[in-house]
Amino acid sequence: MIEISKFIVGFLILLGALFSLIAAIGVVRLPDTYTRNHAASKSATLGVISILLGLFMYYLLIDHHANARILLGIIFVFLTSPVAGHLIMRAAYNSGVPLWEKSVQDDLKKARKVEKSR
């Protein structure tokens, strides 16, 4: 049982590291602010949550005690990171940061035209 627990913990931590690496590659490679922020907020959130879940499983299955602080950390990251990413992108849009020239859809521009026509 302990070997399976170690495998699960290791898998979760490696998965979190992989998501974090994907987020870093996305920040470097993607063309504009919006897509970079998307990569950073989604992949980094999954990476951090996966690493924290692996740590929680380590304490629970191997050390035999539940750590509530890690659970609170998971909940905090799960709730705040996507909202922060959204607010950063909204602030960038409102301050006039242009979309990538090959972007095909601007939903916020359409929504603002509808609001102004009312």
Foldseek 3Di string as FASTA:
>chain_A
DVVVLVVQLVVLLVQLVVLCVQLVCQLVPDDFDLSNLVSNLVSNLSSVLSNLVSVQSCCCPPVNDGDVVSVVVNVCSVPPSVVVSVVVVVVCVVVPRDDDPPDDDDVVVVVVVVVVVD
